[in-house]
């Protein structure tokens, strides 16, 4: 599926299990794939700079916590943007990730999804490869996209919301029924550094208007000039 081809944009060695689908025609990418993985999210940025995201998990199906994610951008050897290194959560939850020598799209999107895949595997005892397949299929052919108003640093911006529900029509959903309603929402905007405003995954309760049973959310907290690396 096209979802996998985009991973080559960020790191040839990253999440190798996700690069298992057959190569497809270059014009066979869905609008959601283009927005999430094929847009040059770092265009116009001048490294060194660090993107800061606040990460939180809540709900009765989880162990609530708050943490952070950092995407550190450095100039490439030719001075262009950007090489990227990442700190994704901390302690026992930390996701170890390689540096990306030439990041065009924001790898935070992929890292959030990789954590999701691992968590689904952990709580359901299912295969990670199965959940990867369901997510990439949903992005390829089942995503709902709409333009929405959003706010960043107190200022109104225009954003694009992309939503998927990978497991609603899953033929095996009875094996993980508690998590079958899980919904993923990506909020993207060229008006914010790195292009990613927020990502969330949630499992609604019996009352859709009430608090979700599970909510993972990663929200852009800002960008700061980073100290240059020591030689």
Protein backbone atom coordinates (compact mmCIF):
# COMPACT_ATOMS: atom_id res chain seq x y z
CA UNK A 1 0.00 0.00 0.00
CA UNK A 2 1.17 3.57 -0.61
CA UNK A 3 1.28 4.28 3.14
CA UNK A 4 4.44 2.22 3.35
CA UNK A 5 6.34 3.81 0.51
CA UNK A 6 6.35 7.11 2.31
CA UNK A 7 8.49 5.70 5.08
CA UNK A 8 11.46 5.79 2.71
CA UNK A 9 11.17 9.56 2.84
CA UNK A 10 12.15 9.58 6.49
CA UNK A 11 14.58 6.70 7.05
CA UNK A 12 15.34 3.58 5.07
CA UNK A 13 15.89 1.62 8.26
CA UNK A 14 12.89 2.91 10.20
CA UNK A 15 10.03 0.51 10.93
CA UNK A 16 11.20 -2.06 8.39
CA UNK A 17 8.16 -4.23 8.99
CA UNK A 18 5.98 -1.48 7.60
CA UNK A 19 7.75 -1.62 4.25
CA UNK A 20 6.28 -4.92 3.22
CA UNK A 21 3.64 -4.03 0.65
CA UNK A 22 4.15 -4.23 -3.11
CA UNK A 23 5.32 -1.14 -4.97
CA UNK A 24 2.47 0.69 -6.65
CA UNK A 25 2.13 3.40 -9.24
CA UNK A 26 3.37 6.81 -8.16
CA UNK A 27 0.01 8.41 -8.94
CA UNK A 28 -1.92 5.94 -6.78
CA UNK A 29 -1.57 7.83 -3.51
CA UNK A 30 -4.69 8.92 -1.66
CA UNK A 31 -5.22 12.55 -0.61
CA UNK A 32 -4.74 11.51 3.03
CA UNK A 33 -1.40 9.85 2.25
CA UNK A 34 -0.21 12.92 0.41
CA UNK A 35 -1.16 15.20 3.30
CA UNK A 36 0.34 13.02 6.01
CA UNK A 37 3.44 11.56 4.40
CA UNK A 38 4.27 13.27 1.11
CA UNK A 39 4.02 16.94 2.03
CA UNK A 40 7.29 18.77 2.75
CA UNK A 41 6.35 19.80 6.28
CA UNK A 42 9.72 21.40 7.01
CA UNK A 43 9.90 23.74 4.02
CA UNK A 44 10.83 27.23 5.14
CA UNK A 45 12.21 26.13 8.50
CA UNK A 46 15.72 27.23 9.44
CA UNK A 47 17.54 24.72 11.63
CA UNK A 48 18.66 24.18 14.27
CA UNK A 49 15.20 24.07 15.82
CA UNK A 50 13.33 21.71 18.12
CA UNK A 51 9.62 20.92 17.81
CA UNK A 52 7.96 20.29 21.17
CA UNK A 53 4.81 18.18 21.55
CA UNK A 54 2.82 17.49 24.71
CA UNK A 55 1.70 13.85 24.94
CA UNK A 56 -1.00 12.54 27.25
CA UNK A 57 -2.97 9.35 27.81
CA UNK A 58 -6.20 9.09 29.78
CA UNK A 59 -9.34 7.01 30.24
CA UNK A 60 -10.34 3.88 32.18
CA UNK A 61 -8.81 1.56 29.55
CA UNK A 62 -5.37 3.03 30.23
CA UNK A 63 -2.82 4.00 32.83
CA UNK A 64 -3.01 7.79 32.56
CA UNK A 65 0.24 9.71 32.09
CA UNK A 66 1.65 12.91 30.66
CA UNK A 67 4.94 13.11 28.77
CA UNK A 68 6.61 14.88 25.87
CA UNK A 69 7.95 14.37 22.37
CA UNK A 70 10.80 16.33 20.78
CA UNK A 71 11.78 16.43 17.11
CA UNK A 72 15.22 18.02 16.81
CA UNK A 73 16.02 19.41 13.36
CA UNK A 74 19.56 20.04 12.15
CA UNK A 75 20.86 21.31 8.82
CA UNK A 76 22.05 18.64 6.39
CA UNK A 77 25.60 18.66 5.08
CA UNK A 78 24.53 20.97 2.26
CA UNK A 79 22.93 23.38 4.71
CA UNK A 80 19.37 22.47 3.72
CA UNK A 81 16.66 21.33 6.13
CA UNK A 82 16.60 18.84 7.72
CA UNK A 83 18.13 15.95 9.54
CA UNK A 84 15.96 14.84 12.44
CA UNK A 85 16.49 13.09 15.75
CA UNK A 86 13.69 12.30 18.16
CA UNK A 87 12.92 11.75 21.80
CA UNK A 88 9.53 10.04 21.94
CA UNK A 89 8.28 9.77 25.54
CA UNK A 90 10.51 8.77 28.44
CA UNK A 91 11.28 5.98 30.90
CA UNK A 92 9.69 2.61 30.21
CA UNK A 93 7.44 4.17 27.55
CA UNK A 94 10.30 5.60 25.52
CA UNK A 95 10.26 4.58 21.87
CA UNK A 96 13.81 4.14 20.56
CA UNK A 97 14.12 5.62 17.09
CA UNK A 98 17.01 6.15 14.66
CA UNK A 99 18.03 9.53 13.34
CA UNK A 100 16.61 10.53 9.97
CA UNK A 101 19.28 12.00 7.71
CA UNK A 102 16.93 13.71 5.27
CA UNK A 103 13.45 14.25 6.69
CA UNK A 104 10.97 15.90 4.33
CA UNK A 105 7.71 15.01 6.06
CA UNK A 106 7.32 15.23 9.82
CA UNK A 107 8.31 11.85 11.30
CA UNK A 108 6.24 12.51 14.43
CA UNK A 109 3.20 11.25 12.49
CA UNK A 110 4.84 7.90 11.85
CA UNK A 111 6.21 7.60 15.37
CA UNK A 112 2.77 8.18 16.89
CA UNK A 113 1.33 5.47 14.66
CA UNK A 114 4.14 3.08 15.49
CA UNK A 115 3.42 3.48 19.19
CA UNK A 116 -0.25 2.87 18.46
CA UNK A 117 0.55 -0.35 16.60
CA UNK A 118 2.71 -1.61 19.45
CA UNK A 119 0.08 -0.74 22.04
CA UNK A 120 -2.67 -2.49 20.10
CA UNK A 121 -0.46 -5.56 19.88
CA UNK A 122 0.30 -5.41 23.60
CA UNK A 123 -3.27 -5.03 24.87
CA UNK A 124 -4.88 -7.47 22.42
CA UNK A 125 -2.03 -10.00 22.01
CA UNK A 126 -2.52 -9.61 18.26
CA UNK A 127 0.14 -9.29 15.59
CA UNK A 128 1.66 -5.85 15.02
CA UNK A 129 1.70 -6.48 11.28
CA UNK A 130 -2.08 -6.90 11.29
CA UNK A 131 -2.72 -3.53 12.94
CA UNK A 132 -0.22 -1.82 10.63
CA UNK A 133 -2.12 -3.21 7.67
CA UNK A 134 -5.48 -2.00 8.98
CA UNK A 135 -4.16 1.52 9.61
CA UNK A 136 -2.47 1.87 6.25
CA UNK A 137 -5.54 0.51 4.43
CA UNK A 138 -7.73 3.03 6.24
CA UNK A 139 -5.44 5.92 5.30
CA UNK A 140 -5.31 4.70 1.71
CA UNK A 141 -9.02 4.19 1.09
CA UNK A 142 -11.13 5.12 4.11
CA UNK A 143 -9.94 8.51 5.37
CA UNK A 144 -12.39 11.37 5.86
CA UNK A 145 -10.85 14.79 5.19
CA UNK A 146 -12.24 18.23 5.94
CA UNK A 147 -10.98 21.77 6.40
CA UNK A 148 -11.51 23.06 9.93
CA UNK A 149 -10.68 26.15 11.98
CA UNK A 150 -8.01 25.62 14.64
CA UNK A 151 -5.98 27.63 17.11
CA UNK A 152 -2.21 27.74 17.59
CA UNK A 153 -0.59 29.92 20.26
CA UNK A 154 -3.87 31.74 20.71
CA UNK A 155 -4.22 32.64 17.04
CA UNK A 156 -6.82 31.22 14.63
CA UNK A 157 -5.47 29.13 11.78
CA UNK A 158 -6.88 27.02 8.97
CA UNK A 159 -6.23 23.31 9.31
CA UNK A 160 -7.05 20.03 7.62
CA UNK A 161 -8.53 17.23 9.69
CA UNK A 162 -8.02 13.63 8.58
CA UNK A 163 -9.95 10.90 10.42
CA UNK A 164 -9.82 7.12 10.12
CA UNK A 165 -11.54 4.21 11.89
CA UNK A 166 -9.45 1.18 10.88
CA UNK A 167 -11.31 -1.49 12.84
CA UNK A 168 -15.01 -0.71 12.47
CA UNK A 169 -15.45 -3.12 9.55
CA UNK A 170 -12.63 -5.44 10.56
CA UNK A 171 -13.69 -9.07 10.05
CA UNK A 172 -11.66 -10.01 13.15
CA UNK A 173 -12.93 -7.24 15.41
CA UNK A 174 -14.57 -9.72 17.81
CA UNK A 175 -11.06 -10.61 18.97
CA UNK A 176 -10.46 -7.06 20.22
CA UNK A 177 -14.00 -5.68 20.51
CA UNK A 178 -13.14 -3.16 23.23
CA UNK A 179 -10.77 -1.39 20.85
CA UNK A 180 -12.71 -1.83 17.60
CA UNK A 181 -14.29 1.67 17.80
CA UNK A 182 -10.84 3.30 17.96
CA UNK A 183 -10.69 6.48 15.91
CA UNK A 184 -7.59 8.35 14.74
CA UNK A 185 -7.64 12.07 14.00
CA UNK A 186 -4.76 14.00 12.45
CA UNK A 187 -4.84 17.81 12.40
CA UNK A 188 -2.42 19.29 9.87
CA UNK A 189 -1.68 22.89 8.93
CA UNK A 190 1.01 24.69 6.96
CA UNK A 191 0.54 27.58 9.42
CA UNK A 192 2.43 25.76 12.21
CA UNK A 193 6.08 24.66 12.35
CA UNK A 194 6.38 21.06 11.21
CA UNK A 195 2.88 20.96 9.73
CA UNK A 196 1.40 18.84 12.54
CA UNK A 197 -0.98 20.57 14.95
CA UNK A 198 -2.16 17.47 16.81
CA UNK A 199 -2.81 13.74 16.63
CA UNK A 200 -5.18 11.69 18.72
CA UNK A 201 -6.52 8.19 19.03
CA UNK A 202 -9.64 7.52 21.06
CA UNK A 203 -12.14 4.86 22.02
CA UNK A 204 -15.56 6.33 22.72
CA UNK A 205 -17.73 5.09 25.57
CA UNK A 206 -21.40 4.17 25.38
CA UNK A 207 -22.20 7.87 25.42
CA UNK A 208 -20.29 9.39 22.46
CA UNK A 209 -20.62 12.82 24.06
CA UNK A 210 -18.99 11.66 27.27
CA UNK A 211 -15.34 11.18 28.15
CA UNK A 212 -13.63 8.52 26.00
CA UNK A 213 -12.63 5.17 27.45
CA UNK A 214 -9.16 5.71 26.02
CA UNK A 215 -7.53 8.85 24.69
CA UNK A 216 -3.97 9.33 23.45
CA UNK A 217 -3.19 12.84 22.29
CA UNK A 218 -0.09 14.60 21.01
CA UNK A 219 -0.33 18.39 20.61
CA UNK A 220 2.21 20.84 19.24
CA UNK A 221 3.51 22.92 22.13
CA UNK A 222 5.82 25.13 20.08
CA UNK A 223 9.16 25.36 18.33
CA UNK A 224 12.38 26.71 19.79
CA UNK A 225 15.80 27.51 18.40
CA UNK A 226 18.06 24.64 19.40
CA UNK A 227 21.66 24.89 20.41
CA UNK A 228 23.91 23.69 17.58
CA UNK A 229 25.52 20.30 17.99
CA UNK A 230 29.07 20.16 19.19
CA UNK A 231 31.54 18.96 16.52
